[in-house]
Amino acid sequence: MLFELIGALSAGFGLMGVAMLGWRILGRGRLPGWMYPTAVAAGMLAFSVWAEYSWADRMMEAQPQLRLTDTVADPSPLRPLSYLRTPVNRLRAIDLTRTLVHPEQPHLVRTLVVSMARWEPVRAAEVLIDCETPALAPIGAGVEVLPDGSLEGADWRALSAGDSLLRTVCAAGEEIRHARGQGS
């Protein structure tokens, strides 16, 4: 948040400098007094809009090991532009470096699900997805991964066949199986 404040101030004063330079080039002398705060405000507003609309893309570009599963974009009366084009508020991705397929249970895919939201800390949860019977089981306290790849003490939750997390994780599992030469 501090970096965005510094960026907004820099953009504001930068635009003021551009306005001053443009005014000088036109040979008009000094800027009118109202132009200084207007240029700073316009630069800060432009930077803030850019930061709000591009944060999800910047987060995904900064972490190439993540594969996007889904996004949430909600309009807000506090952000009037969101009714014209809604910015992404939250996103969910899987970490491909932490995605595993057990050789004895190829339909079970273990992965790390990363949830990110604007102005909130990143959250991650390790899960096991059953691609055969669409279901998800969080891996945490009280859950043991057995040597054959199955789980003991897991709380399985059914997923719909069209669930974006299920589709993304199972596609990643398929890529892993094909890379090993175990394609179906």
N, C-alpha and C. Protein backbone atom coordinates (compact mmCIF):
# COMPACT_ATOMS: atom_id res chain seq x y z
N MET A 1 0.82 -1.18 0.00
CA MET A 1 0.00 0.00 0.00
C MET A 1 0.87 1.26 0.00
N LEU A 2 1.97 1.21 0.72
CA LEU A 2 2.89 2.35 0.76
C LEU A 2 3.47 2.60 -0.62
N PHE A 3 3.81 1.52 -1.34
CA PHE A 3 4.38 1.69 -2.68
C PHE A 3 3.36 2.30 -3.63
N GLU A 4 2.09 1.96 -3.47
CA GLU A 4 1.07 2.55 -4.34
C GLU A 4 0.86 4.02 -4.01
N LEU A 5 0.98 4.40 -2.74
CA LEU A 5 0.89 5.81 -2.37
C LEU A 5 2.06 6.58 -2.98
N ILE A 6 3.25 6.01 -2.87
CA ILE A 6 4.43 6.65 -3.47
C ILE A 6 4.27 6.74 -4.99
N GLY A 7 3.76 5.69 -5.60
CA GLY A 7 3.53 5.69 -7.05
C GLY A 7 2.51 6.74 -7.46
N ALA A 8 1.42 6.86 -6.69
CA ALA A 8 0.39 7.85 -7.01
C ALA A 8 0.94 9.27 -6.88
N LEU A 9 1.70 9.53 -5.82
CA LEU A 9 2.31 10.86 -5.66
C LEU A 9 3.29 11.15 -6.79
N SER A 10 4.09 10.16 -7.15
CA SER A 10 5.05 10.34 -8.24
C SER A 10 4.33 10.63 -9.55
N ALA A 11 3.26 9.90 -9.82
CA ALA A 11 2.50 10.14 -11.05
C ALA A 11 1.88 11.53 -11.05
N GLY A 12 1.38 11.95 -9.90
CA GLY A 12 0.77 13.28 -9.80
C GLY A 12 1.78 14.39 -10.06
N PHE A 13 2.92 14.33 -9.37
CA PHE A 13 3.94 15.37 -9.57
C PHE A 13 4.58 15.26 -10.94
N GLY A 14 4.67 14.04 -11.47
CA GLY A 14 5.19 13.87 -12.82
C GLY A 14 4.29 14.54 -13.85
N LEU A 15 2.98 14.37 -13.70
CA LEU A 15 2.05 15.01 -14.63
C LEU A 15 2.11 16.53 -14.48
N MET A 16 2.29 17.01 -13.26
CA MET A 16 2.44 18.45 -13.06
C MET A 16 3.68 18.95 -13.80
N GLY A 17 4.78 18.20 -13.73
CA GLY A 17 6.00 18.58 -14.45
C GLY A 17 5.79 18.60 -15.95
N VAL A 18 5.06 17.62 -16.46
CA VAL A 18 4.77 17.57 -17.90
C VAL A 18 3.92 18.79 -18.28
N ALA A 19 2.94 19.13 -17.44
CA ALA A 19 2.10 20.30 -17.73
C ALA A 19 2.93 21.58 -17.72
N MET A 20 3.83 21.71 -16.76
CA MET A 20 4.70 22.90 -16.69
C MET A 20 5.59 22.99 -17.93
N LEU A 21 6.16 21.86 -18.33
CA LEU A 21 7.03 21.83 -19.51
C LEU A 21 6.24 22.18 -20.77
N GLY A 22 5.06 21.58 -20.90
CA GLY A 22 4.22 21.87 -22.07
C GLY A 22 3.82 23.33 -22.14
N TRP A 23 3.51 23.92 -21.02
CA TRP A 23 3.12 25.32 -20.95
C TRP A 23 4.30 26.21 -21.36
N ARG A 24 5.51 25.84 -20.91
CA ARG A 24 6.73 26.60 -21.27
C ARG A 24 7.01 26.49 -22.76
N ILE A 25 6.89 25.28 -23.29
CA ILE A 25 7.15 25.08 -24.72
C ILE A 25 6.20 25.91 -25.57
N LEU A 26 4.96 26.03 -25.10
CA LEU A 26 3.99 26.86 -25.82
C LEU A 26 4.28 28.35 -25.67
N GLY A 27 5.23 28.69 -24.78
CA GLY A 27 5.64 30.08 -24.61
C GLY A 27 4.67 30.91 -23.80
N ARG A 28 3.97 30.30 -22.90
CA ARG A 28 2.97 31.02 -22.13
C ARG A 28 3.46 31.44 -20.74
N GLY A 29 4.70 31.13 -20.42
CA GLY A 29 5.24 31.55 -19.11
C GLY A 29 4.86 30.59 -18.00
N ARG A 30 4.34 31.15 -16.91
CA ARG A 30 3.97 30.34 -15.75
C ARG A 30 2.56 29.77 -15.90
N LEU A 31 2.37 28.61 -15.28
CA LEU A 31 1.04 28.00 -15.26
C LEU A 31 0.09 28.81 -14.38
N PRO A 32 -1.18 28.81 -14.70
CA PRO A 32 -2.15 29.42 -13.78
C PRO A 32 -2.14 28.64 -12.46
N GLY A 33 -2.45 29.29 -11.36
CA GLY A 33 -2.38 28.67 -10.03
C GLY A 33 -3.24 27.43 -9.88
N TRP A 34 -4.39 27.37 -10.52
CA TRP A 34 -5.28 26.22 -10.37
C TRP A 34 -4.75 24.98 -11.08
N MET A 35 -3.81 25.18 -12.02
CA MET A 35 -3.32 24.07 -12.83
C MET A 35 -2.43 23.11 -12.03
N TYR A 36 -1.69 23.60 -11.04
CA TYR A 36 -0.80 22.73 -10.25
C TYR A 36 -1.57 21.63 -9.52
N PRO A 37 -2.53 21.99 -8.67
CA PRO A 37 -3.25 20.91 -7.96
C PRO A 37 -4.09 20.04 -8.89
N THR A 38 -4.58 20.63 -9.99
CA THR A 38 -5.38 19.85 -10.93
C THR A 38 -4.53 18.78 -11.62
N ALA A 39 -3.32 19.15 -12.02
CA ALA A 39 -2.42 18.19 -12.67
C ALA A 39 -2.02 17.08 -11.71
N VAL A 40 -1.70 17.45 -10.46
CA VAL A 40 -1.33 16.45 -9.46
C VAL A 40 -2.50 15.49 -9.21
N ALA A 41 -3.70 16.04 -9.04
CA ALA A 41 -4.89 15.20 -8.79
C ALA A 41 -5.18 14.28 -9.97
N ALA A 42 -5.07 14.80 -11.20
CA ALA A 42 -5.33 13.97 -12.38
C ALA A 42 -4.31 12.84 -12.49
N GLY A 43 -3.04 13.13 -12.21
CA GLY A 43 -2.01 12.09 -12.26
C GLY A 43 -2.23 11.03 -11.20
N MET A 44 -2.59 11.45 -9.99
CA MET A 44 -2.85 10.49 -8.92
C MET A 44 -4.08 9.63 -9.23
N LEU A 45 -5.12 10.26 -9.76
CA LEU A 45 -6.33 9.51 -10.12
C LEU A 45 -6.04 8.51 -11.22
N ALA A 46 -5.30 8.91 -12.24
CA ALA A 46 -4.96 8.00 -13.33
C ALA A 46 -4.15 6.81 -12.82
N PHE A 47 -3.18 7.07 -11.95
CA PHE A 47 -2.37 5.99 -11.39
C PHE A 47 -3.24 5.05 -10.56
N SER A 48 -4.13 5.59 -9.75
CA SER A 48 -5.00 4.76 -8.90
C SER A 48 -5.91 3.86 -9.72
N VAL A 49 -6.46 4.41 -10.79
CA VAL A 49 -7.32 3.60 -11.67
C VAL A 49 -6.50 2.50 -12.32
N TRP A 50 -5.31 2.83 -12.82
CA TRP A 50 -4.44 1.82 -13.43
C TRP A 50 -4.10 0.72 -12.41
N ALA A 51 -3.74 1.10 -11.20
CA ALA A 51 -3.36 0.12 -10.18
C ALA A 51 -4.53 -0.79 -9.82
N GLU A 52 -5.72 -0.23 -9.75
CA GLU A 52 -6.91 -1.01 -9.39
C GLU A 52 -7.26 -2.03 -10.47
N TYR A 53 -7.15 -1.62 -11.72
CA TYR A 53 -7.54 -2.50 -12.82
C TYR A 53 -6.46 -3.49 -13.23
N SER A 54 -5.22 -3.25 -12.86
CA SER A 54 -4.15 -4.13 -13.32
C SER A 54 -3.55 -5.01 -12.23
N TRP A 55 -4.02 -4.94 -10.99
CA TRP A 55 -3.35 -5.66 -9.91
C TRP A 55 -3.40 -7.17 -10.13
N ALA A 56 -4.50 -7.70 -10.61
CA ALA A 56 -4.60 -9.16 -10.80
C ALA A 56 -3.61 -9.64 -11.86
N ASP A 57 -3.51 -8.92 -12.96
CA ASP A 57 -2.55 -9.30 -14.00
C ASP A 57 -1.12 -9.20 -13.48
N ARG A 58 -0.83 -8.14 -12.72
CA ARG A 58 0.51 -7.98 -12.17
C ARG A 58 0.85 -9.09 -11.18
N MET A 59 -0.12 -9.51 -10.36
CA MET A 59 0.11 -10.59 -9.40
C MET A 59 0.41 -11.90 -10.12
N MET A 60 -0.33 -12.20 -11.17
CA MET A 60 -0.12 -13.45 -11.90
C MET A 60 1.20 -13.42 -12.69
N GLU A 61 1.56 -12.27 -13.25
CA GLU A 61 2.83 -12.17 -13.98
C GLU A 61 4.02 -12.31 -13.05
N ALA A 62 3.87 -11.86 -11.81
CA ALA A 62 4.98 -11.91 -10.85
C ALA A 62 5.20 -13.34 -10.33
N GLN A 63 4.24 -14.21 -10.51
CA GLN A 63 4.34 -15.58 -10.01
C GLN A 63 4.01 -16.56 -11.13
N PRO A 64 4.95 -16.82 -12.03
CA PRO A 64 4.67 -17.67 -13.20
C PRO A 64 4.36 -19.12 -12.85
N GLN A 65 4.64 -19.57 -11.62
CA GLN A 65 4.34 -20.94 -11.23
C GLN A 65 2.84 -21.12 -10.93
N LEU A 66 2.09 -20.03 -10.89
CA LEU A 66 0.66 -20.12 -10.60
C LEU A 66 -0.14 -20.23 -11.88
N ARG A 67 -1.21 -21.02 -11.82
CA ARG A 67 -2.16 -21.12 -12.94
C ARG A 67 -3.52 -20.66 -12.41
N LEU A 68 -4.08 -19.67 -13.07
CA LEU A 68 -5.34 -19.06 -12.66
C LEU A 68 -6.48 -20.05 -12.81
N THR A 69 -7.32 -20.16 -11.76
CA THR A 69 -8.52 -21.01 -11.86
C THR A 69 -9.77 -20.16 -12.06
N ASP A 70 -9.92 -19.09 -11.27
CA ASP A 70 -11.08 -18.23 -11.43
C ASP A 70 -10.84 -16.88 -10.78
N THR A 71 -11.69 -15.93 -11.18
CA THR A 71 -11.62 -14.57 -10.64
C THR A 71 -13.01 -14.13 -10.21
N VAL A 72 -13.05 -13.14 -9.32
CA VAL A 72 -14.31 -12.53 -8.89
C VAL A 72 -14.19 -11.03 -9.12
N ALA A 73 -15.18 -10.46 -9.77
CA ALA A 73 -15.20 -9.03 -10.04
C ALA A 73 -16.56 -8.49 -9.62
N ASP A 74 -16.57 -7.65 -8.59
CA ASP A 74 -17.82 -7.08 -8.07
C ASP A 74 -17.82 -5.57 -8.26
N PRO A 75 -18.89 -5.02 -8.85
CA PRO A 75 -18.97 -3.56 -8.92
C PRO A 75 -19.26 -2.98 -7.53
N SER A 76 -18.88 -1.73 -7.33
CA SER A 76 -19.07 -1.09 -6.04
C SER A 76 -19.49 0.37 -6.24
N PRO A 77 -20.42 0.85 -5.44
CA PRO A 77 -20.80 2.26 -5.56
C PRO A 77 -19.65 3.20 -5.17
N LEU A 78 -18.68 2.70 -4.41
CA LEU A 78 -17.53 3.53 -4.05
C LEU A 78 -16.54 3.67 -5.20
N ARG A 79 -16.70 2.82 -6.22
CA ARG A 79 -15.85 2.89 -7.42
C ARG A 79 -16.78 2.98 -8.63
N PRO A 80 -17.20 4.18 -9.01
CA PRO A 80 -18.19 4.33 -10.09
C PRO A 80 -17.76 3.71 -11.42
N LEU A 81 -16.45 3.72 -11.72
CA LEU A 81 -16.00 3.11 -12.98
C LEU A 81 -16.25 1.61 -13.01
N SER A 82 -16.43 0.99 -11.85
CA SER A 82 -16.63 -0.46 -11.81
C SER A 82 -17.96 -0.87 -12.43
N TYR A 83 -18.87 0.07 -12.63
CA TYR A 83 -20.12 -0.27 -13.30
C TYR A 83 -19.94 -0.28 -14.82
N LEU A 84 -18.90 0.39 -15.31
CA LEU A 84 -18.60 0.34 -16.74
C LEU A 84 -17.74 -0.87 -17.08
N ARG A 85 -16.66 -1.04 -16.31
CA ARG A 85 -15.77 -2.19 -16.47
C ARG A 85 -15.33 -2.60 -15.07
N THR A 86 -15.77 -3.75 -14.65
CA THR A 86 -15.53 -4.19 -13.29
C THR A 86 -14.12 -4.75 -13.13
N PRO A 87 -13.35 -4.21 -12.18
CA PRO A 87 -12.00 -4.76 -11.95
C PRO A 87 -12.08 -6.06 -11.14
N VAL A 88 -11.07 -6.89 -11.27
CA VAL A 88 -11.00 -8.14 -10.52
C VAL A 88 -10.71 -7.82 -9.06
N ASN A 89 -11.56 -8.33 -8.16
CA ASN A 89 -11.37 -8.11 -6.72
C ASN A 89 -10.62 -9.26 -6.06
N ARG A 90 -10.90 -10.47 -6.51
CA ARG A 90 -10.29 -11.66 -5.92
C ARG A 90 -9.96 -12.63 -7.04
N LEU A 91 -8.93 -13.45 -6.78
CA LEU A 91 -8.60 -14.50 -7.74
C LEU A 91 -8.12 -15.73 -6.98
N ARG A 92 -8.22 -16.85 -7.66
CA ARG A 92 -7.78 -18.12 -7.10
C ARG A 92 -6.93 -18.81 -8.14
N ALA A 93 -5.82 -19.41 -7.69
CA ALA A 93 -4.89 -20.07 -8.60
C ALA A 93 -4.32 -21.30 -7.91
N ILE A 94 -3.69 -22.18 -8.71
CA ILE A 94 -3.00 -23.32 -8.13
C ILE A 94 -1.51 -23.15 -8.40
N ASP A 95 -0.71 -23.66 -7.47
CA ASP A 95 0.74 -23.61 -7.60
C ASP A 95 1.19 -24.88 -8.31
N LEU A 96 1.67 -24.74 -9.54
CA LEU A 96 2.07 -25.91 -10.34
C LEU A 96 3.30 -26.60 -9.76
N THR A 97 4.15 -25.87 -9.02
CA THR A 97 5.32 -26.50 -8.43
C THR A 97 4.95 -27.37 -7.24
N ARG A 98 3.74 -27.19 -6.71
CA ARG A 98 3.27 -27.98 -5.57
C ARG A 98 2.14 -28.92 -5.98
N THR A 99 1.99 -29.18 -7.26
CA THR A 99 0.94 -30.08 -7.76
C THR A 99 1.56 -31.45 -8.02
N LEU A 100 0.97 -32.48 -7.41
CA LEU A 100 1.50 -33.84 -7.48
C LEU A 100 0.41 -34.83 -7.83
N VAL A 101 0.80 -35.89 -8.53
CA VAL A 101 -0.09 -37.00 -8.84
C VAL A 101 0.59 -38.26 -8.35
N HIS A 102 -0.11 -39.04 -7.52
CA HIS A 102 0.47 -40.28 -7.01
C HIS A 102 0.39 -41.34 -8.11
N PRO A 103 1.49 -42.10 -8.33
CA PRO A 103 1.49 -43.11 -9.40
C PRO A 103 0.41 -44.18 -9.23
N GLU A 104 0.06 -44.53 -7.97
CA GLU A 104 -0.95 -45.57 -7.74
C GLU A 104 -2.38 -45.04 -7.78
N GLN A 105 -2.55 -43.74 -7.65
CA GLN A 105 -3.88 -43.12 -7.65
C GLN A 105 -3.88 -41.96 -8.65
N PRO A 106 -3.83 -42.24 -9.95
CA PRO A 106 -3.68 -41.16 -10.93
C PRO A 106 -4.86 -40.18 -10.99
N HIS A 107 -6.01 -40.57 -10.44
CA HIS A 107 -7.16 -39.67 -10.45
C HIS A 107 -7.15 -38.68 -9.28
N LEU A 108 -6.22 -38.87 -8.32
CA LEU A 108 -6.10 -37.96 -7.19
C LEU A 108 -4.94 -36.99 -7.44
N VAL A 109 -5.24 -35.70 -7.35
CA VAL A 109 -4.23 -34.66 -7.59
C VAL A 109 -4.13 -33.80 -6.34
N ARG A 110 -2.91 -33.72 -5.82
CA ARG A 110 -2.63 -32.91 -4.63
C ARG A 110 -2.03 -31.59 -5.10
N THR A 111 -2.55 -30.48 -4.57
CA THR A 111 -2.06 -29.17 -5.00
C THR A 111 -2.22 -28.13 -3.90
N LEU A 112 -1.61 -27.00 -4.13
CA LEU A 112 -1.73 -25.86 -3.23
C LEU A 112 -2.61 -24.83 -3.93
N VAL A 113 -3.74 -24.49 -3.30
CA VAL A 113 -4.66 -23.49 -3.84
C VAL A 113 -4.32 -22.15 -3.18
N VAL A 114 -4.05 -21.16 -4.01
CA VAL A 114 -3.67 -19.83 -3.53
C VAL A 114 -4.82 -18.87 -3.82
N SER A 115 -5.28 -18.18 -2.77
CA SER A 115 -6.36 -17.20 -2.90
C SER A 115 -5.79 -15.81 -2.63
N MET A 116 -6.05 -14.89 -3.55
CA MET A 116 -5.57 -13.52 -3.40
C MET A 116 -6.74 -12.56 -3.56
N ALA A 117 -6.73 -11.52 -2.76
CA ALA A 117 -7.73 -10.47 -2.86
C ALA A 117 -7.03 -9.12 -2.72
N ARG A 118 -7.59 -8.13 -3.33
CA ARG A 118 -7.01 -6.79 -3.27
C ARG A 118 -7.00 -6.31 -1.83
N TRP A 119 -5.89 -5.83 -1.36
CA TRP A 119 -5.69 -5.27 -0.02
C TRP A 119 -5.82 -6.31 1.08
N GLU A 120 -5.68 -7.57 0.77
CA GLU A 120 -5.73 -8.63 1.77
C GLU A 120 -4.51 -9.52 1.63
N PRO A 121 -4.11 -10.18 2.74
CA PRO A 121 -2.97 -11.09 2.63
C PRO A 121 -3.31 -12.31 1.77
N VAL A 122 -2.28 -12.89 1.17
CA VAL A 122 -2.44 -14.09 0.34
C VAL A 122 -2.71 -15.27 1.26
N ARG A 123 -3.67 -16.10 0.89
CA ARG A 123 -3.98 -17.32 1.64
C ARG A 123 -3.73 -18.53 0.76
N ALA A 124 -3.25 -19.59 1.38
CA ALA A 124 -2.98 -20.82 0.63
C ALA A 124 -3.48 -22.01 1.44
N ALA A 125 -3.99 -23.01 0.74
CA ALA A 125 -4.47 -24.23 1.39
C ALA A 125 -4.11 -25.42 0.51
N GLU A 126 -3.59 -26.46 1.14
CA GLU A 126 -3.26 -27.67 0.41
C GLU A 126 -4.51 -28.54 0.35
N VAL A 127 -4.82 -29.03 -0.84
CA VAL A 127 -6.02 -29.84 -1.04
C VAL A 127 -5.69 -31.06 -1.90
N LEU A 128 -6.58 -32.04 -1.83
CA LEU A 128 -6.52 -33.20 -2.71
C LEU A 128 -7.82 -33.19 -3.51
N ILE A 129 -7.69 -33.27 -4.82
CA ILE A 129 -8.85 -33.27 -5.71
C ILE A 129 -8.98 -34.64 -6.33
N ASP A 130 -10.19 -35.19 -6.25
CA ASP A 130 -10.49 -36.46 -6.91
C ASP A 130 -11.14 -36.12 -8.25
N CYS A 131 -10.43 -36.36 -9.33
CA CYS A 131 -10.92 -36.01 -10.66
C CYS A 131 -11.94 -37.02 -11.18
N GLU A 132 -11.94 -38.22 -10.65
CA GLU A 132 -12.87 -39.27 -11.08
C GLU A 132 -14.26 -39.01 -10.49
N THR A 133 -14.31 -38.84 -9.18
CA THR A 133 -15.54 -38.50 -8.47
C THR A 133 -15.35 -37.04 -8.05
N PRO A 134 -15.86 -36.08 -8.78
CA PRO A 134 -15.52 -34.69 -8.49
C PRO A 134 -15.70 -34.34 -7.01
N ALA A 135 -14.57 -34.28 -6.30
CA ALA A 135 -14.60 -33.97 -4.87
C ALA A 135 -13.27 -33.34 -4.46
N LEU A 136 -13.33 -32.63 -3.34
CA LEU A 136 -12.16 -31.94 -2.81
C LEU A 136 -12.03 -32.27 -1.34
N ALA A 137 -10.81 -32.48 -0.87
CA ALA A 137 -10.54 -32.71 0.54
C ALA A 137 -9.38 -31.82 0.97
N PRO A 138 -9.62 -30.93 1.94
CA PRO A 138 -8.50 -30.13 2.45
C PRO A 138 -7.53 -31.01 3.22
N ILE A 139 -6.24 -30.75 3.05
CA ILE A 139 -5.22 -31.50 3.78
C ILE A 139 -4.74 -30.60 4.91
N GLY A 140 -4.99 -31.04 6.13
CA GLY A 140 -4.61 -30.24 7.29
C GLY A 140 -4.43 -31.13 8.49
N ALA A 141 -4.64 -30.56 9.66
CA ALA A 141 -4.50 -31.31 10.91
C ALA A 141 -5.52 -32.45 10.94
N GLY A 142 -5.08 -33.62 11.32
CA GLY A 142 -5.95 -34.78 11.42
C GLY A 142 -6.12 -35.54 10.13
N VAL A 143 -5.49 -35.08 9.06
CA VAL A 143 -5.58 -35.76 7.77
C VAL A 143 -4.21 -36.34 7.47
N GLU A 144 -4.19 -37.64 7.17
CA GLU A 144 -2.93 -38.32 6.89
C GLU A 144 -2.95 -38.84 5.46
N VAL A 145 -1.86 -38.57 4.74
CA VAL A 145 -1.70 -39.09 3.38
C VAL A 145 -1.04 -40.46 3.51
N LEU A 146 -1.73 -41.50 3.07
CA LEU A 146 -1.22 -42.86 3.16
C LEU A 146 -0.24 -43.14 2.02
N PRO A 147 0.62 -44.16 2.16
CA PRO A 147 1.61 -44.47 1.12
C PRO A 147 1.02 -44.74 -0.26
N ASP A 148 -0.24 -45.23 -0.31
CA ASP A 148 -0.84 -45.49 -1.62
C ASP A 148 -1.46 -44.23 -2.24
N GLY A 149 -1.33 -43.07 -1.56
CA GLY A 149 -1.83 -41.81 -2.12
C GLY A 149 -3.20 -41.42 -1.65
N SER A 150 -3.90 -42.30 -0.95
CA SER A 150 -5.23 -41.96 -0.45
C SER A 150 -5.11 -41.20 0.87
N LEU A 151 -6.24 -40.67 1.33
CA LEU A 151 -6.25 -39.89 2.57
C LEU A 151 -7.01 -40.62 3.66
N GLU A 152 -6.53 -40.45 4.88
CA GLU A 152 -7.24 -40.98 6.04
C GLU A 152 -7.66 -39.79 6.90
N GLY A 153 -8.94 -39.76 7.28
CA GLY A 153 -9.45 -38.67 8.10
C GLY A 153 -9.84 -37.44 7.29
N ALA A 154 -10.00 -37.59 5.99
CA ALA A 154 -10.32 -36.44 5.13
C ALA A 154 -11.81 -36.15 5.13
N ASP A 155 -12.14 -34.90 5.00
CA ASP A 155 -13.53 -34.44 4.89
C ASP A 155 -13.77 -34.08 3.42
N TRP A 156 -14.29 -35.03 2.65
CA TRP A 156 -14.49 -34.82 1.22
C TRP A 156 -15.72 -33.97 0.98
N ARG A 157 -15.58 -33.01 0.07
CA ARG A 157 -16.69 -32.15 -0.33
C ARG A 157 -16.91 -32.33 -1.83
N ALA A 158 -18.15 -32.55 -2.20
CA ALA A 158 -18.47 -32.75 -3.62
C ALA A 158 -18.28 -31.45 -4.40
N LEU A 159 -17.81 -31.59 -5.63
CA LEU A 159 -17.65 -30.45 -6.54
C LEU A 159 -18.53 -30.70 -7.76
N SER A 160 -19.01 -29.62 -8.35
CA SER A 160 -19.77 -29.80 -9.59
C SER A 160 -18.80 -30.09 -10.73
N ALA A 161 -19.28 -30.78 -11.73
CA ALA A 161 -18.41 -31.18 -12.85
C ALA A 161 -17.85 -29.97 -13.59
N GLY A 162 -18.52 -28.83 -13.53
CA GLY A 162 -18.05 -27.64 -14.23
C GLY A 162 -17.22 -26.70 -13.35
N ASP A 163 -16.89 -27.12 -12.15
CA ASP A 163 -16.13 -26.26 -11.23
C ASP A 163 -14.78 -25.89 -11.84
N SER A 164 -14.45 -24.60 -11.82
CA SER A 164 -13.21 -24.14 -12.45
C SER A 164 -11.97 -24.67 -11.74
N LEU A 165 -12.02 -24.81 -10.43
CA LEU A 165 -10.88 -25.37 -9.70
C LEU A 165 -10.67 -26.83 -10.10
N LEU A 166 -11.75 -27.59 -10.18
CA LEU A 166 -11.67 -29.00 -10.58
C LEU A 166 -11.08 -29.12 -11.99
N ARG A 167 -11.57 -28.33 -12.93
CA ARG A 167 -11.06 -28.40 -14.31
C ARG A 167 -9.58 -28.06 -14.38
N THR A 168 -9.16 -27.01 -13.68
CA THR A 168 -7.76 -26.58 -13.73
C THR A 168 -6.84 -27.60 -13.09
N VAL A 169 -7.21 -28.10 -11.91
CA VAL A 169 -6.37 -29.07 -11.20
C VAL A 169 -6.28 -30.38 -11.99
N CYS A 170 -7.40 -30.84 -12.51
CA CYS A 170 -7.37 -32.10 -13.26
C CYS A 170 -6.59 -31.96 -14.57
N ALA A 171 -6.65 -30.78 -15.21
CA ALA A 171 -5.84 -30.56 -16.41
C ALA A 171 -4.35 -30.56 -16.06
N ALA A 172 -4.00 -29.96 -14.91
CA ALA A 172 -2.59 -29.98 -14.47
C ALA A 172 -2.16 -31.41 -14.15
N GLY A 173 -3.05 -32.19 -13.52
CA GLY A 173 -2.74 -33.59 -13.23
C GLY A 173 -2.54 -34.39 -14.50
N GLU A 174 -3.34 -34.12 -15.50
CA GLU A 174 -3.21 -34.80 -16.80
C GLU A 174 -1.86 -34.47 -17.44
N GLU A 175 -1.44 -33.21 -17.35
CA GLU A 175 -0.13 -32.81 -17.89
C GLU A 175 1.00 -33.55 -17.17
N ILE A 176 0.87 -33.70 -15.87
CA ILE A 176 1.90 -34.40 -15.09
C ILE A 176 1.95 -35.87 -15.49
N ARG A 177 0.78 -36.50 -15.65
CA ARG A 177 0.74 -37.91 -16.05
C ARG A 177 1.35 -38.10 -17.44
N HIS A 178 1.04 -37.21 -18.37
CA HIS A 178 1.60 -37.32 -19.72
C HIS A 178 3.10 -37.08 -19.71
N ALA A 179 3.56 -36.18 -18.86
CA ALA A 179 5.01 -35.93 -18.76
C ALA A 179 5.75 -37.15 -18.26
N ARG A 180 5.08 -37.97 -17.43
CA ARG A 180 5.67 -39.20 -16.91
C ARG A 180 5.52 -40.37 -17.88
N GLY A 181 4.71 -40.17 -18.92
CA GLY A 181 4.49 -41.26 -19.87
C GLY A 181 3.37 -42.18 -19.43
N GLN A 182 2.47 -41.66 -18.55
CA GLN A 182 1.35 -42.47 -18.07
C GLN A 182 0.02 -41.94 -18.59
N GLY A 183 0.01 -41.39 -19.76
CA GLY A 183 -1.22 -40.82 -20.30
C GLY A 183 -2.31 -41.85 -20.42
N SER A 184 -3.55 -41.40 -20.28
CA SER A 184 -4.68 -42.35 -20.36
C SER A 184 -5.15 -42.56 -21.75
